[in-house]
Amino acid sequence: MKSQRTLRKQSGIALVEALVAIVIFAFGVLAIVGLQSASVRQVSDAKYRIDAANLVSQSLGAIWVDRENVQAYVVRDQAVSTLPNGKLTIAVSGPWNAAAGVTVTVSVSWKAPGESQAHTQTSVQFIAG
């Protein structure tokens, strides 16, 4: 059996162990919150990239269908509502010529909130016929 003196020396050790366990648990919770934050940021970035790719694809599809009026699709820094600070630019290399064709460049840029650099999705296609 332990003496009274030994028990006094050990008093409070349970409190120290509990505090250490709480600190370890708090760091674990902070790590999980950090992972969740990174996950949300990556999902948002993927959504913006998909929206930009869809916009580029839709623009090129519309131009392919109406090749003779390709110059009517030329825009510069047109606002895009589905992307944060989104801008659409469509450039055409020259006038439409069925025999020679024309090169069309579609570019979508956006800048996500809280980021310092802009992202760009660009596609260059040669349209003929």
Protein backbone atom coordinates (compact mmCIF):
# COMPACT_ATOMS: atom_id res chain seq x y z
CA MET A 1 0.00 0.00 0.00
CA LYS A 2 1.21 3.46 -0.83
CA SER A 3 2.09 5.83 1.90
CA GLN A 4 0.38 9.18 2.38
CA ARG A 5 3.53 10.99 1.31
CA THR A 6 3.67 9.16 -2.06
CA LEU A 7 0.02 9.95 -2.74
CA ARG A 8 0.59 13.67 -2.11
CA LYS A 9 3.42 13.73 -4.61
CA GLN A 10 1.15 12.22 -7.25
CA SER A 11 -1.83 14.47 -6.63
CA GLY A 12 -2.71 16.55 -9.70
CA ILE A 13 -1.16 14.16 -12.22
CA ALA A 14 -4.61 13.28 -13.57
CA LEU A 15 -5.22 16.96 -14.27
CA VAL A 16 -1.95 17.26 -16.19
CA GLU A 17 -2.78 14.14 -18.22
CA ALA A 18 -6.23 15.56 -19.02
CA LEU A 19 -4.74 18.88 -20.16
CA VAL A 20 -2.23 17.11 -22.42
CA ALA A 21 -5.04 15.02 -23.92
CA ILE A 22 -7.10 18.17 -24.56
CA VAL A 23 -4.15 19.87 -26.30
CA ILE A 24 -3.57 16.82 -28.53
CA PHE A 25 -7.30 16.67 -29.36
CA ALA A 26 -7.33 20.40 -30.19
CA PHE A 27 -4.45 19.98 -32.64
CA GLY A 28 -6.31 17.10 -34.27
CA VAL A 29 -9.44 19.21 -34.67
CA LEU A 30 -7.39 22.07 -36.15
CA ALA A 31 -5.84 19.67 -38.65
CA ILE A 32 -9.27 18.41 -39.72
CA VAL A 33 -10.53 21.99 -40.15
CA GLY A 34 -7.48 22.78 -42.28
CA LEU A 35 -8.10 19.74 -44.48
CA GLN A 36 -11.75 20.72 -44.90
CA SER A 37 -10.76 24.24 -45.90
CA ALA A 38 -8.30 22.94 -48.50
CA SER A 39 -10.92 20.53 -49.81
CA VAL A 40 -13.50 23.30 -50.28
CA ARG A 41 -10.92 25.45 -52.07
CA GLN A 42 -10.01 22.61 -54.45
CA VAL A 43 -13.66 21.81 -55.21
CA SER A 44 -14.35 25.48 -55.98
CA ASP A 45 -11.32 25.63 -58.27
CA ALA A 46 -12.47 22.50 -60.12
CA LYS A 47 -15.96 23.96 -60.58
CA TYR A 48 -14.53 27.17 -62.05
CA ARG A 49 -12.37 25.16 -64.46
CA ILE A 50 -15.35 23.08 -65.58
CA ASP A 51 -17.49 26.19 -66.08
CA ALA A 52 -14.72 27.81 -68.14
CA ALA A 53 -14.24 24.70 -70.29
CA ASN A 54 -18.00 24.49 -70.91
CA LEU A 55 -18.13 28.15 -71.94
CA VAL A 56 -15.24 27.68 -74.37
CA SER A 57 -16.89 24.57 -75.81
CA GLN A 58 -20.27 26.29 -76.22
CA SER A 59 -18.68 29.29 -77.91
CA LEU A 60 -16.76 27.15 -80.38
CA GLY A 61 -19.86 25.05 -81.07
CA ALA A 62 -21.90 28.15 -81.89
CA ILE A 63 -19.16 29.38 -84.23
CA TRP A 64 -18.93 26.00 -86.00
CA VAL A 65 -22.68 26.06 -86.65
CA ASP A 66 -22.63 29.62 -88.02
CA ARG A 67 -19.24 29.69 -89.79
CA GLU A 68 -20.24 32.29 -92.36
CA ASN A 69 -20.88 34.89 -89.62
CA VAL A 70 -17.74 34.13 -87.62
CA GLN A 71 -16.87 37.84 -87.28
CA ALA A 72 -20.13 38.43 -85.38
CA TYR A 73 -18.78 36.32 -82.49
CA VAL A 74 -15.67 38.44 -81.88
CA VAL A 75 -15.72 39.87 -78.33
CA ARG A 76 -13.10 41.29 -76.02
CA ASP A 77 -13.30 41.00 -72.22
CA GLN A 78 -17.04 40.27 -72.15
CA ALA A 79 -18.24 39.69 -68.59
CA VAL A 80 -19.03 36.09 -67.63
CA SER A 81 -21.56 35.77 -64.82
CA THR A 82 -20.81 32.12 -63.96
CA LEU A 83 -17.19 32.83 -63.03
CA PRO A 84 -15.81 35.27 -60.43
CA ASN A 85 -14.36 38.25 -62.29
CA GLY A 86 -14.82 36.18 -65.47
CA LYS A 87 -14.04 37.55 -68.91
CA LEU A 88 -14.59 35.99 -72.34
CA THR A 89 -12.47 36.90 -75.36
CA ILE A 90 -13.04 35.51 -78.85
CA ALA A 91 -10.53 36.45 -81.56
CA VAL A 92 -10.68 35.54 -85.26
CA SER A 93 -7.59 35.55 -87.48
CA GLY A 94 -9.30 37.11 -90.49
CA PRO A 95 -12.44 37.21 -92.61
CA TRP A 96 -14.32 33.98 -93.32
CA ASN A 97 -13.21 32.07 -96.38
CA ALA A 98 -14.66 28.61 -96.89
CA ALA A 99 -11.66 27.44 -98.89
CA ALA A 100 -8.91 28.87 -96.65
CA GLY A 101 -10.73 28.62 -93.30
CA VAL A 102 -10.13 30.79 -90.28
CA THR A 103 -8.43 30.36 -86.89
CA VAL A 104 -10.55 31.13 -83.84
CA THR A 105 -9.13 31.65 -80.36
CA VAL A 106 -11.52 31.47 -77.42
CA SER A 107 -10.15 32.47 -74.04
CA VAL A 108 -11.89 32.63 -70.66
CA SER A 109 -10.16 34.12 -67.65
CA TRP A 110 -11.27 34.38 -64.03
CA LYS A 111 -9.87 35.26 -60.66
CA ALA A 112 -11.22 33.46 -57.62
CA PRO A 113 -11.85 35.45 -54.44
CA GLY A 114 -8.81 35.65 -52.22
CA GLU A 115 -6.36 34.60 -54.95
CA SER A 116 -3.64 36.80 -56.34
CA GLN A 117 -3.31 35.38 -59.84
CA ALA A 118 -5.90 34.89 -62.58
CA HIS A 119 -6.65 31.56 -64.27
CA THR A 120 -7.15 31.14 -68.02
CA GLN A 121 -8.76 28.48 -70.21
CA THR A 122 -7.89 28.88 -73.91
CA SER A 123 -8.71 26.92 -77.04
CA VAL A 124 -7.49 27.58 -80.57
CA GLN A 125 -9.36 25.95 -83.44
CA PHE A 126 -9.09 26.06 -87.19
CA ILE A 127 -12.52 26.25 -88.81
CA ALA A 128 -12.93 25.50 -92.50
CA GLY A 129 -15.56 24.27 -94.89
